[in-house]
Amino acid sequence: MNYLSQNKLIILLFLVKIGVFSSCQTKVEETNPSESRAKIRFEFDFDPNQQRLNNLAQPIGIAAGNAAQTPTFNSMSVHYIEFAPSAFTQLGEGEILYKNEEVNSSKNGFNTAIDFSKAIVSPKGTVFLEVPIKDIAAGKYEWIRASVAYQNLSIKYDLNNIQVGSENINLPNQEGTIAGFIGYNTRIEDFTVKNKTISVNDDKKQGFWAFETTISIPQYNYTANEVTTGQSAGTTVVNPLAATSPVPAGSCVITGSFSTPLTITGKETEDITVVLSFSIQDSFEWKDTNSNGKWDINVGSQVTEQVIDMGLRGLEVKIK
């Protein structure tokens, strides 16, 4: 065999070897199906029939002198999600699956603020976050912590003292939109309540809200679209583990249990959907100064009846 033929044979054998190696690689990949692609998918649910709880996860009614209503939730955003193996797992020591970006802050007693421009705002029943299961530590998880940052909801109200010409008109049973920031501290550039966009360019502490109302009185050819801002007196943060695993004051880290503990093996081949079901039963609460059970607003002045609380009233975690 001459020198040229020998070279051709070497090249041929080299190519065959590469082909066999590639074929082996392909077969290995094919025998490891979609376990690396399986994800945990997160959705919101807003349940008006879920029990109304206090900070310690005990059933509670509406305080004397106050009134409340169950709003319609349009969308929400959480800033933090953590799986906790047990009731003794301290905040931050579980499996942290998501944390919204934060920025430096020197306001409201915090060194950081949630960056609202990076928030994932989602309605009910829509997947807002997917986490690869391969990135989650194997184990059994009994609890979940979700830090609520923002909520957008529709509420009923009575609008009083509208001056139209020489007449003073009241409009009962109106509907408006509340955009509420209940995270510990939020950097807000601008946001849209319903139709109107508000510029803030500042950090706002827990409980800051904006209310948009559209007034229409056809017989007087009168329309108006107004936005009012305010600050709630407090925020309920339900934590059934307060005795063993407390959360910092001023946070909105709501704790809930899985209906059945979630076991992660790392070998899952199918997606898992986790539904964060929040109690919204009478979650919008105000000081009812005239005892009529309605949220009363006076035109031409600040909101007459102070918002007391708009915190979520419990968290149940469901797998589907």
C-alpha atoms as a PDB file:
ATOM      1  CA  MET A   1       0.000   0.000   0.000  1.00  0.00           C
ATOM      2  CA  ASN A   2       1.512   3.329  -1.016  1.00  0.00           C
ATOM      3  CA  TYR A   3       1.805   6.390   1.227  1.00  0.00           C
ATOM      4  CA  LEU A   4      -1.282   8.146  -0.268  1.00  0.00           C
ATOM      5  CA  SER A   5      -3.501   5.099   0.222  1.00  0.00           C
ATOM      6  CA  GLN A   6      -2.361   4.769   3.813  1.00  0.00           C
ATOM      7  CA  ASN A   7      -3.330   8.398   4.477  1.00  0.00           C
ATOM      8  CA  LYS A   8      -6.756   7.844   2.919  1.00  0.00           C
ATOM      9  CA  LEU A   9      -7.307   4.814   5.138  1.00  0.00           C
ATOM     10  CA  ILE A  10      -6.319   6.750   8.276  1.00  0.00           C
ATOM     11  CA  ILE A  11      -8.678   9.576   7.375  1.00  0.00           C
ATOM     12  CA  LEU A  12     -11.508   7.125   6.705  1.00  0.00           C
ATOM     13  CA  LEU A  13     -11.025   5.369  10.045  1.00  0.00           C
ATOM     14  CA  PHE A  14     -10.898   8.739  11.827  1.00  0.00           C
ATOM     15  CA  LEU A  15     -14.223   9.791  10.279  1.00  0.00           C
ATOM     16  CA  VAL A  16     -15.843   6.491  11.176  1.00  0.00           C
ATOM     17  CA  LYS A  17     -14.681   6.920  14.769  1.00  0.00           C
ATOM     18  CA  ILE A  18     -16.193  10.419  14.943  1.00  0.00           C
ATOM     19  CA  GLY A  19     -19.479   9.079  13.545  1.00  0.00           C
ATOM     20  CA  VAL A  20     -19.631   6.310  16.138  1.00  0.00           C
ATOM     21  CA  PHE A  21     -18.842   8.779  18.955  1.00  0.00           C
ATOM     22  CA  SER A  22     -21.510  11.180  17.749  1.00  0.00           C
ATOM     23  CA  SER A  23     -24.013   8.346  17.486  1.00  0.00           C
ATOM     24  CA  CYS A  24     -23.250   7.314  21.064  1.00  0.00           C
ATOM     25  CA  GLN A  25     -23.738  10.875  22.239  1.00  0.00           C
ATOM     26  CA  THR A  26     -27.104  11.082  20.496  1.00  0.00           C
ATOM     27  CA  LYS A  27     -28.252   7.822  22.039  1.00  0.00           C
ATOM     28  CA  VAL A  28     -27.249   8.972  25.535  1.00  0.00           C
ATOM     29  CA  GLU A  29     -29.210  12.181  25.102  1.00  0.00           C
ATOM     30  CA  GLU A  30     -32.207  10.272  23.798  1.00  0.00           C
ATOM     31  CA  THR A  31     -32.219   7.942  26.804  1.00  0.00           C
ATOM     32  CA  ASN A  32     -32.409  10.944  29.174  1.00  0.00           C
ATOM     33  CA  PRO A  33     -35.891  12.247  28.358  1.00  0.00           C
ATOM     34  CA  SER A  34     -37.383  15.542  29.424  1.00  0.00           C
ATOM     35  CA  GLU A  35     -36.450  15.491  33.124  1.00  0.00           C
ATOM     36  CA  SER A  36     -34.114  18.432  32.621  1.00  0.00           C
ATOM     37  CA  ARG A  37     -36.925  20.384  30.973  1.00  0.00           C
ATOM     38  CA  ALA A  38     -39.631  19.763  33.612  1.00  0.00           C
ATOM     39  CA  LYS A  39     -40.673  22.936  35.442  1.00  0.00           C
ATOM     40  CA  ILE A  40     -42.691  24.169  38.374  1.00  0.00           C
ATOM     41  CA  ARG A  41     -45.238  26.641  37.043  1.00  0.00           C
ATOM     42  CA  PHE A  42     -46.837  29.245  39.329  1.00  0.00           C
ATOM     43  CA  GLU A  43     -50.337  30.726  39.042  1.00  0.00           C
ATOM     44  CA  PHE A  44     -52.500  33.006  41.201  1.00  0.00           C
ATOM     45  CA  ASP A  45     -56.023  32.368  42.423  1.00  0.00           C
ATOM     46  CA  PHE A  46     -58.127  34.911  44.323  1.00  0.00           C
ATOM     47  CA  ASP A  47     -60.746  33.166  46.454  1.00  0.00           C
ATOM     48  CA  PRO A  48     -63.604  35.186  48.017  1.00  0.00           C
ATOM     49  CA  ASN A  49     -64.760  32.127  49.991  1.00  0.00           C
ATOM     50  CA  GLN A  50     -61.414  31.293  51.573  1.00  0.00           C
ATOM     51  CA  GLN A  51     -61.343  31.993  55.309  1.00  0.00           C
ATOM     52  CA  ARG A  52     -60.552  35.535  56.469  1.00  0.00           C
ATOM     53  CA  LEU A  53     -57.527  35.379  58.787  1.00  0.00           C
ATOM     54  CA  ASN A  54     -55.499  37.747  60.947  1.00  0.00           C
ATOM     55  CA  ASN A  55     -51.713  38.055  61.195  1.00  0.00           C
ATOM     56  CA  LEU A  56     -51.502  34.833  63.243  1.00  0.00           C
ATOM     57  CA  ALA A  57     -53.726  32.911  60.799  1.00  0.00           C
ATOM     58  CA  GLN A  58     -56.691  32.923  63.171  1.00  0.00           C
ATOM     59  CA  PRO A  59     -60.218  33.581  61.821  1.00  0.00           C
ATOM     60  CA  ILE A  60     -61.240  37.187  62.360  1.00  0.00           C
ATOM     61  CA  GLY A  61     -64.202  39.423  61.626  1.00  0.00           C
ATOM     62  CA  ILE A  62     -64.286  43.121  60.839  1.00  0.00           C
ATOM     63  CA  ALA A  63     -63.266  45.480  63.633  1.00  0.00           C
ATOM     64  CA  ALA A  64     -65.924  47.664  65.254  1.00  0.00           C
ATOM     65  CA  GLY A  65     -66.213  51.008  63.502  1.00  0.00           C
ATOM     66  CA  ASN A  66     -64.820  49.625  60.255  1.00  0.00           C
ATOM     67  CA  ALA A  67     -66.396  48.224  57.107  1.00  0.00           C
ATOM     68  CA  ALA A  68     -64.932  45.984  54.428  1.00  0.00           C
ATOM     69  CA  GLN A  69     -65.682  44.510  51.048  1.00  0.00           C
ATOM     70  CA  THR A  70     -64.440  41.661  48.897  1.00  0.00           C
ATOM     71  CA  PRO A  71     -62.898  43.308  45.828  1.00  0.00           C
ATOM     72  CA  THR A  72     -62.468  41.920  42.343  1.00  0.00           C
ATOM     73  CA  PHE A  73     -58.774  41.249  41.786  1.00  0.00           C
ATOM     74  CA  ASN A  74     -57.503  42.235  38.347  1.00  0.00           C
ATOM     75  CA  SER A  75     -53.840  41.325  38.826  1.00  0.00           C
ATOM     76  CA  MET A  76     -51.095  40.902  41.382  1.00  0.00           C
ATOM     77  CA  SER A  77     -47.324  40.659  41.733  1.00  0.00           C
ATOM     78  CA  VAL A  78     -45.159  38.829  44.240  1.00  0.00           C
ATOM     79  CA  HIS A  79     -41.589  39.822  44.910  1.00  0.00           C
ATOM     80  CA  TYR A  80     -40.338  36.618  46.590  1.00  0.00           C
ATOM     81  CA  ILE A  81     -41.194  32.892  46.615  1.00  0.00           C
ATOM     82  CA  GLU A  82     -39.630  30.332  48.917  1.00  0.00           C
ATOM     83  CA  PHE A  83     -40.327  26.651  49.644  1.00  0.00           C
ATOM     84  CA  ALA A  84     -39.854  25.676  53.309  1.00  0.00           C
ATOM     85  CA  PRO A  85     -39.367  22.042  54.416  1.00  0.00           C
ATOM     86  CA  SER A  86     -40.805  22.522  57.925  1.00  0.00           C
ATOM     87  CA  ALA A  87     -42.400  24.944  60.349  1.00  0.00           C
ATOM     88  CA  PHE A  88     -38.969  25.586  61.847  1.00  0.00           C
ATOM     89  CA  THR A  89     -37.320  26.674  58.593  1.00  0.00           C
ATOM     90  CA  GLN A  90     -36.403  30.322  59.035  1.00  0.00           C
ATOM     91  CA  LEU A  91     -37.141  32.906  56.366  1.00  0.00           C
ATOM     92  CA  GLY A  92     -34.383  32.727  53.756  1.00  0.00           C
ATOM     93  CA  GLU A  93     -33.171  29.271  54.809  1.00  0.00           C
ATOM     94  CA  GLY A  94     -35.558  27.345  52.568  1.00  0.00           C
ATOM     95  CA  GLU A  95     -35.401  26.945  48.794  1.00  0.00           C
ATOM     96  CA  ILE A  96     -35.624  30.444  47.289  1.00  0.00           C
ATOM     97  CA  LEU A  97     -37.211  30.092  43.857  1.00  0.00           C
ATOM     98  CA  TYR A  98     -37.716  33.726  42.882  1.00  0.00           C
ATOM     99  CA  LYS A  99     -36.803  37.224  44.004  1.00  0.00           C
ATOM    100  CA  ASN A 100     -37.660  40.393  42.121  1.00  0.00           C
ATOM    101  CA  GLU A 101     -34.826  42.820  41.476  1.00  0.00           C
ATOM    102  CA  GLU A 102     -34.183  45.432  44.143  1.00  0.00           C
ATOM    103  CA  VAL A 103     -32.477  48.820  44.151  1.00  0.00           C
ATOM    104  CA  ASN A 104     -30.619  50.733  46.842  1.00  0.00           C
ATOM    105  CA  SER A 105     -32.811  52.900  49.032  1.00  0.00           C
ATOM    106  CA  SER A 106     -32.443  55.179  52.022  1.00  0.00           C
ATOM    107  CA  LYS A 107     -36.144  55.771  52.598  1.00  0.00           C
ATOM    108  CA  ASN A 108     -38.840  54.300  54.848  1.00  0.00           C
ATOM    109  CA  GLY A 109     -36.320  52.597  57.111  1.00  0.00           C
ATOM    110  CA  PHE A 110     -34.924  50.186  54.500  1.00  0.00           C
ATOM    111  CA  ASN A 111     -31.652  49.915  52.602  1.00  0.00           C
ATOM    112  CA  THR A 112     -33.318  48.454  49.515  1.00  0.00           C
ATOM    113  CA  ALA A 113     -36.589  48.771  47.615  1.00  0.00           C
ATOM    114  CA  ILE A 114     -38.472  46.481  45.234  1.00  0.00           C
ATOM    115  CA  ASP A 115     -37.917  47.638  41.655  1.00  0.00           C
ATOM    116  CA  PHE A 116     -41.506  47.835  40.377  1.00  0.00           C
ATOM    117  CA  SER A 117     -40.329  48.329  36.792  1.00  0.00           C
ATOM    118  CA  LYS A 118     -39.083  44.698  36.881  1.00  0.00           C
ATOM    119  CA  ALA A 119     -42.174  43.238  38.579  1.00  0.00           C
ATOM    120  CA  ILE A 120     -44.121  40.351  37.010  1.00  0.00           C
ATOM    121  CA  VAL A 121     -47.770  41.456  37.215  1.00  0.00           C
ATOM    122  CA  SER A 122     -50.242  38.678  36.420  1.00  0.00           C
ATOM    123  CA  PRO A 123     -53.996  37.987  36.507  1.00  0.00           C
ATOM    124  CA  LYS A 124     -55.676  34.912  37.945  1.00  0.00           C
ATOM    125  CA  GLY A 125     -55.072  31.576  36.221  1.00  0.00           C
ATOM    126  CA  THR A 126     -52.077  32.647  34.149  1.00  0.00           C
ATOM    127  CA  VAL A 127     -48.612  31.159  34.549  1.00  0.00           C
ATOM    128  CA  PHE A 128     -46.428  34.039  35.748  1.00  0.00           C
ATOM    129  CA  LEU A 129     -43.266  32.111  36.643  1.00  0.00           C
ATOM    130  CA  GLU A 130     -41.568  28.872  35.613  1.00  0.00           C
ATOM    131  CA  VAL A 131     -38.672  27.339  37.559  1.00  0.00           C
ATOM    132  CA  PRO A 132     -36.726  24.303  36.232  1.00  0.00           C
ATOM    133  CA  ILE A 133     -37.149  21.417  38.662  1.00  0.00           C
ATOM    134  CA  LYS A 134     -33.521  20.443  38.156  1.00  0.00           C
ATOM    135  CA  ASP A 135     -32.579  23.699  39.904  1.00  0.00           C
ATOM    136  CA  ILE A 136     -34.581  22.861  43.053  1.00  0.00           C
ATOM    137  CA  ALA A 137     -33.018  20.859  45.880  1.00  0.00           C
ATOM    138  CA  ALA A 138     -34.566  17.408  46.258  1.00  0.00           C
ATOM    139  CA  GLY A 139     -36.690  17.008  49.369  1.00  0.00           C
ATOM    140  CA  LYS A 140     -40.160  17.357  50.858  1.00  0.00           C
ATOM    141  CA  TYR A 141     -41.655  20.832  51.230  1.00  0.00           C
ATOM    142  CA  GLU A 142     -44.594  21.581  53.509  1.00  0.00           C
ATOM    143  CA  TRP A 143     -44.798  25.393  53.376  1.00  0.00           C
ATOM    144  CA  ILE A 144     -44.449  28.235  50.943  1.00  0.00           C
ATOM    145  CA  ARG A 145     -43.714  31.905  51.519  1.00  0.00           C
ATOM    146  CA  ALA A 146     -44.845  34.514  49.010  1.00  0.00           C
ATOM    147  CA  SER A 147     -44.106  38.194  49.467  1.00  0.00           C
ATOM    148  CA  VAL A 148     -46.907  40.193  47.849  1.00  0.00           C
ATOM    149  CA  ALA A 149     -45.691  43.431  46.316  1.00  0.00           C
ATOM    150  CA  TYR A 150     -48.556  44.854  44.262  1.00  0.00           C
ATOM    151  CA  GLN A 151     -52.259  44.335  43.690  1.00  0.00           C
ATOM    152  CA  ASN A 152     -54.754  45.868  41.278  1.00  0.00           C
ATOM    153  CA  LEU A 153     -58.411  45.541  42.199  1.00  0.00           C
ATOM    154  CA  SER A 154     -61.870  46.866  41.468  1.00  0.00           C
ATOM    155  CA  ILE A 155     -63.934  48.173  44.391  1.00  0.00           C
ATOM    156  CA  LYS A 156     -67.386  49.671  44.991  1.00  0.00           C
ATOM    157  CA  TYR A 157     -67.848  53.137  46.494  1.00  0.00           C
ATOM    158  CA  ASP A 158     -70.321  55.987  46.957  1.00  0.00           C
ATOM    159  CA  LEU A 159     -69.374  59.331  45.429  1.00  0.00           C
ATOM    160  CA  ASN A 160     -70.775  62.380  47.202  1.00  0.00           C
ATOM    161  CA  ASN A 161     -71.008  66.155  46.792  1.00  0.00           C
ATOM    162  CA  ILE A 162     -70.487  66.459  43.037  1.00  0.00           C
ATOM    163  CA  GLN A 163     -71.077  70.073  42.069  1.00  0.00           C
ATOM    164  CA  VAL A 164     -72.751  70.250  38.651  1.00  0.00           C
ATOM    165  CA  GLY A 165     -73.910  73.759  37.950  1.00  0.00           C
ATOM    166  CA  SER A 166     -75.969  74.805  40.955  1.00  0.00           C
ATOM    167  CA  GLU A 167     -76.767  71.233  42.000  1.00  0.00           C
ATOM    168  CA  ASN A 168     -75.101  68.945  44.501  1.00  0.00           C
ATOM    169  CA  ILE A 169     -75.293  65.330  43.306  1.00  0.00           C
ATOM    170  CA  ASN A 170     -74.491  62.009  44.965  1.00  0.00           C
ATOM    171  CA  LEU A 171     -73.678  58.873  42.953  1.00  0.00           C
ATOM    172  CA  PRO A 172     -74.036  55.640  44.942  1.00  0.00           C
ATOM    173  CA  ASN A 173     -72.737  52.192  43.911  1.00  0.00           C
ATOM    174  CA  GLN A 174     -69.922  53.288  41.645  1.00  0.00           C
ATOM    175  CA  GLU A 175     -66.930  51.131  40.681  1.00  0.00           C
ATOM    176  CA  GLY A 176     -63.308  52.260  40.693  1.00  0.00           C
ATOM    177  CA  THR A 177     -59.821  50.781  40.512  1.00  0.00           C
ATOM    178  CA  ILE A 178     -57.236  50.583  43.291  1.00  0.00           C
ATOM    179  CA  ALA A 179     -53.532  50.022  42.624  1.00  0.00           C
ATOM    180  CA  GLY A 180     -51.978  49.083  45.963  1.00  0.00           C
ATOM    181  CA  PHE A 181     -48.284  48.653  46.803  1.00  0.00           C
ATOM    182  CA  ILE A 182     -48.002  46.405  49.854  1.00  0.00           C
ATOM    183  CA  GLY A 183     -44.385  45.299  49.561  1.00  0.00           C
ATOM    184  CA  TYR A 184     -42.008  46.455  52.298  1.00  0.00           C
ATOM    185  CA  ASN A 185     -40.645  49.377  50.225  1.00  0.00           C
ATOM    186  CA  THR A 186     -41.115  49.956  46.494  1.00  0.00           C
ATOM    187  CA  ARG A 187     -39.247  52.070  43.947  1.00  0.00           C
ATOM    188  CA  ILE A 188     -41.948  53.354  41.593  1.00  0.00           C
ATOM    189  CA  GLU A 189     -41.141  55.281  38.447  1.00  0.00           C
ATOM    190  CA  ASP A 190     -44.630  55.266  36.963  1.00  0.00           C
ATOM    191  CA  PHE A 191     -47.623  52.916  36.874  1.00  0.00           C
ATOM    192  CA  THR A 192     -51.082  52.672  35.347  1.00  0.00           C
ATOM    193  CA  VAL A 193     -54.054  52.383  37.695  1.00  0.00           C
ATOM    194  CA  LYS A 194     -56.694  51.558  35.076  1.00  0.00           C
ATOM    195  CA  ASN A 195     -56.457  54.061  32.249  1.00  0.00           C
ATOM    196  CA  LYS A 196     -54.356  56.806  33.792  1.00  0.00           C
ATOM    197  CA  THR A 197     -50.593  56.564  34.244  1.00  0.00           C
ATOM    198  CA  ILE A 198     -49.139  58.126  37.393  1.00  0.00           C
ATOM    199  CA  SER A 199     -45.533  59.303  37.688  1.00  0.00           C
ATOM    200  CA  VAL A 200     -43.993  58.864  41.143  1.00  0.00           C
ATOM    201  CA  ASN A 201     -40.200  58.579  40.740  1.00  0.00           C
ATOM    202  CA  ASP A 202     -39.773  57.827  44.413  1.00  0.00           C
ATOM    203  CA  ASP A 203     -39.750  55.035  47.011  1.00  0.00           C
ATOM    204  CA  LYS A 204     -43.071  54.320  48.714  1.00  0.00           C
ATOM    205  CA  LYS A 205     -43.578  52.424  51.943  1.00  0.00           C
ATOM    206  CA  GLN A 206     -45.981  49.553  52.421  1.00  0.00           C
ATOM    207  CA  GLY A 207     -49.614  50.586  51.987  1.00  0.00           C
ATOM    208  CA  PHE A 208     -49.264  53.285  49.315  1.00  0.00           C
ATOM    209  CA  TRP A 209     -52.231  53.253  46.934  1.00  0.00           C
ATOM    210  CA  ALA A 210     -53.818  55.113  44.032  1.00  0.00           C
ATOM    211  CA  PHE A 211     -57.536  55.154  43.219  1.00  0.00           C
ATOM    212  CA  GLU A 212     -58.962  55.926  39.780  1.00  0.00           C
ATOM    213  CA  THR A 213     -62.601  56.790  39.240  1.00  0.00           C
ATOM    214  CA  THR A 214     -64.526  57.780  36.116  1.00  0.00           C
ATOM    215  CA  ILE A 215     -67.622  59.913  36.741  1.00  0.00           C
ATOM    216  CA  SER A 216     -70.345  60.084  34.114  1.00  0.00           C
ATOM    217  CA  ILE A 217     -73.628  62.014  34.459  1.00  0.00           C
ATOM    218  CA  PRO A 218     -75.150  61.970  30.942  1.00  0.00           C
ATOM    219  CA  GLN A 219     -78.166  64.142  31.765  1.00  0.00           C
ATOM    220  CA  TYR A 220     -75.790  66.940  32.710  1.00  0.00           C
ATOM    221  CA  ASN A 221     -73.261  66.141  29.965  1.00  0.00           C
ATOM    222  CA  TYR A 222     -70.708  65.751  32.736  1.00  0.00           C
ATOM    223  CA  THR A 223     -67.716  63.372  32.791  1.00  0.00           C
ATOM    224  CA  ALA A 224     -64.525  63.309  34.826  1.00  0.00           C
ATOM    225  CA  ASN A 225     -61.627  60.901  35.306  1.00  0.00           C
ATOM    226  CA  GLU A 226     -59.725  61.429  38.526  1.00  0.00           C
ATOM    227  CA  VAL A 227     -56.905  59.738  40.442  1.00  0.00           C
ATOM    228  CA  THR A 228     -56.450  60.053  44.217  1.00  0.00           C
ATOM    229  CA  THR A 229     -53.499  58.683  46.186  1.00  0.00           C
ATOM    230  CA  GLY A 230     -53.299  57.686  49.828  1.00  0.00           C
ATOM    231  CA  GLN A 231     -51.715  55.477  52.475  1.00  0.00           C
ATOM    232  CA  SER A 232     -53.403  52.625  54.322  1.00  0.00           C
ATOM    233  CA  ALA A 233     -53.100  52.530  58.089  1.00  0.00           C
ATOM    234  CA  GLY A 234     -51.783  48.962  58.142  1.00  0.00           C
ATOM    235  CA  THR A 235     -51.355  45.729  56.213  1.00  0.00           C
ATOM    236  CA  THR A 236     -52.352  42.278  57.407  1.00  0.00           C
ATOM    237  CA  VAL A 237     -49.618  39.685  56.788  1.00  0.00           C
ATOM    238  CA  VAL A 238     -50.841  36.168  57.547  1.00  0.00           C
ATOM    239  CA  ASN A 239     -48.199  33.907  59.103  1.00  0.00           C
ATOM    240  CA  PRO A 240     -49.351  30.660  60.764  1.00  0.00           C
ATOM    241  CA  LEU A 241     -45.695  30.006  61.699  1.00  0.00           C
ATOM    242  CA  ALA A 242     -45.199  33.203  63.678  1.00  0.00           C
ATOM    243  CA  ALA A 243     -44.150  31.240  66.782  1.00  0.00           C
ATOM    244  CA  THR A 244     -41.466  29.179  65.035  1.00  0.00           C
ATOM    245  CA  SER A 245     -40.583  31.141  61.905  1.00  0.00           C
ATOM    246  CA  PRO A 246     -41.410  34.854  62.143  1.00  0.00           C
ATOM    247  CA  VAL A 247     -41.157  37.380  59.305  1.00  0.00           C
ATOM    248  CA  PRO A 248     -39.798  40.933  59.644  1.00  0.00           C
ATOM    249  CA  ALA A 249     -42.171  43.719  60.622  1.00  0.00           C
ATOM    250  CA  GLY A 250     -43.237  45.749  57.610  1.00  0.00           C
ATOM    251  CA  SER A 251     -42.782  42.897  55.157  1.00  0.00           C
ATOM    252  CA  CYS A 252     -45.626  41.286  53.255  1.00  0.00           C
ATOM    253  CA  VAL A 253     -44.331  37.702  53.339  1.00  0.00           C
ATOM    254  CA  ILE A 254     -47.495  35.594  53.525  1.00  0.00           C
ATOM    255  CA  THR A 255     -47.026  31.979  54.629  1.00  0.00           C
ATOM    256  CA  GLY A 256     -49.228  29.081  53.548  1.00  0.00           C
ATOM    257  CA  SER A 257     -49.138  25.305  53.599  1.00  0.00           C
ATOM    258  CA  PHE A 258     -49.306  22.888  50.692  1.00  0.00           C
ATOM    259  CA  SER A 259     -52.578  20.956  50.707  1.00  0.00           C
ATOM    260  CA  THR A 260     -50.308  17.898  50.422  1.00  0.00           C
ATOM    261  CA  PRO A 261     -46.536  18.197  51.003  1.00  0.00           C
ATOM    262  CA  LEU A 262     -44.653  18.593  47.745  1.00  0.00           C
ATOM    263  CA  THR A 263     -41.860  16.075  47.198  1.00  0.00           C
ATOM    264  CA  ILE A 264     -39.125  16.906  44.698  1.00  0.00           C
ATOM    265  CA  THR A 265     -36.897  14.026  43.560  1.00  0.00           C
ATOM    266  CA  GLY A 266     -35.090  15.734  40.697  1.00  0.00           C
ATOM    267  CA  LYS A 267     -36.263  12.951  38.356  1.00  0.00           C
ATOM    268  CA  GLU A 268     -39.597  14.530  37.428  1.00  0.00           C
ATOM    269  CA  THR A 269     -40.416  14.410  33.723  1.00  0.00           C
ATOM    270  CA  GLU A 270     -43.651  16.439  33.753  1.00  0.00           C
ATOM    271  CA  ASP A 271     -44.384  20.021  34.748  1.00  0.00           C
ATOM    272  CA  ILE A 272     -45.961  20.742  38.138  1.00  0.00           C
ATOM    273  CA  THR A 273     -48.398  23.645  38.503  1.00  0.00           C
ATOM    274  CA  VAL A 274     -48.479  25.342  41.906  1.00  0.00           C
ATOM    275  CA  VAL A 275     -51.512  27.555  42.525  1.00  0.00           C
ATOM    276  CA  LEU A 276     -51.109  30.294  45.124  1.00  0.00           C
ATOM    277  CA  SER A 277     -54.681  30.748  46.326  1.00  0.00           C
ATOM    278  CA  PHE A 278     -55.112  33.948  48.326  1.00  0.00           C
ATOM    279  CA  SER A 279     -58.104  34.777  50.505  1.00  0.00           C
ATOM    280  CA  ILE A 280     -59.651  38.066  49.372  1.00  0.00           C
ATOM    281  CA  GLN A 281     -62.656  37.821  51.675  1.00  0.00           C
ATOM    282  CA  ASP A 282     -63.326  41.377  52.918  1.00  0.00           C
ATOM    283  CA  SER A 283     -59.681  42.231  52.253  1.00  0.00           C
ATOM    284  CA  PHE A 284     -60.367  45.934  51.505  1.00  0.00           C
ATOM    285  CA  GLU A 285     -61.179  47.595  54.833  1.00  0.00           C
ATOM    286  CA  TRP A 286     -61.860  51.209  55.779  1.00  0.00           C
ATOM    287  CA  LYS A 287     -63.002  53.401  58.696  1.00  0.00           C
ATOM    288  CA  ASP A 288     -66.796  53.588  58.296  1.00  0.00           C
ATOM    289  CA  THR A 289     -67.407  57.042  59.740  1.00  0.00           C
ATOM    290  CA  ASN A 290     -71.148  57.158  58.939  1.00  0.00           C
ATOM    291  CA  SER A 291     -71.839  53.435  59.583  1.00  0.00           C
ATOM    292  CA  ASN A 292     -73.486  52.869  56.207  1.00  0.00           C
ATOM    293  CA  GLY A 293     -71.184  50.011  55.150  1.00  0.00           C
ATOM    294  CA  LYS A 294     -70.127  51.906  52.011  1.00  0.00           C
ATOM    295  CA  TRP A 295     -66.754  53.401  51.142  1.00  0.00           C
ATOM    296  CA  ASP A 296     -67.674  57.102  50.914  1.00  0.00           C
ATOM    297  CA  ILE A 297     -65.675  59.605  48.900  1.00  0.00           C
ATOM    298  CA  ASN A 298     -66.268  63.337  48.889  1.00  0.00           C
ATOM    299  CA  VAL A 299     -65.484  65.179  45.681  1.00  0.00           C
ATOM    300  CA  GLY A 300     -63.219  68.190  46.109  1.00  0.00           C
ATOM    301  CA  SER A 301     -61.455  66.822  49.184  1.00  0.00           C
ATOM    302  CA  GLN A 302     -59.424  63.859  50.292  1.00  0.00           C
ATOM    303  CA  VAL A 303     -61.028  60.434  50.545  1.00  0.00           C
ATOM    304  CA  THR A 304     -63.490  60.861  53.392  1.00  0.00           C
ATOM    305  CA  GLU A 305     -63.149  57.406  54.893  1.00  0.00           C
ATOM    306  CA  GLN A 306     -59.586  56.270  55.573  1.00  0.00           C
ATOM    307  CA  VAL A 307     -58.355  52.984  54.130  1.00  0.00           C
ATOM    308  CA  ILE A 308     -57.357  50.805  57.086  1.00  0.00           C
ATOM    309  CA  ASP A 309     -56.077  47.635  55.423  1.00  0.00           C
ATOM    310  CA  MET A 310     -55.770  45.954  52.044  1.00  0.00           C
ATOM    311  CA  GLY A 311     -53.659  42.954  53.013  1.00  0.00           C
ATOM    312  CA  LEU A 312     -54.472  39.469  51.713  1.00  0.00           C
ATOM    313  CA  ARG A 313     -56.295  37.311  54.274  1.00  0.00           C
ATOM    314  CA  GLY A 314     -54.616  33.932  53.899  1.00  0.00           C
ATOM    315  CA  LEU A 315     -52.744  31.635  51.529  1.00  0.00           C
ATOM    316  CA  GLU A 316     -53.496  28.062  50.531  1.00  0.00           C
ATOM    317  CA  VAL A 317     -51.243  26.209  48.115  1.00  0.00           C
ATOM    318  CA  LYS A 318     -52.661  23.727  45.635  1.00  0.00           C
ATOM    319  CA  ILE A 319     -51.023  21.412  43.112  1.00  0.00           C
ATOM    320  CA  LYS A 320     -52.591  20.650  39.769  1.00  0.00           C
END
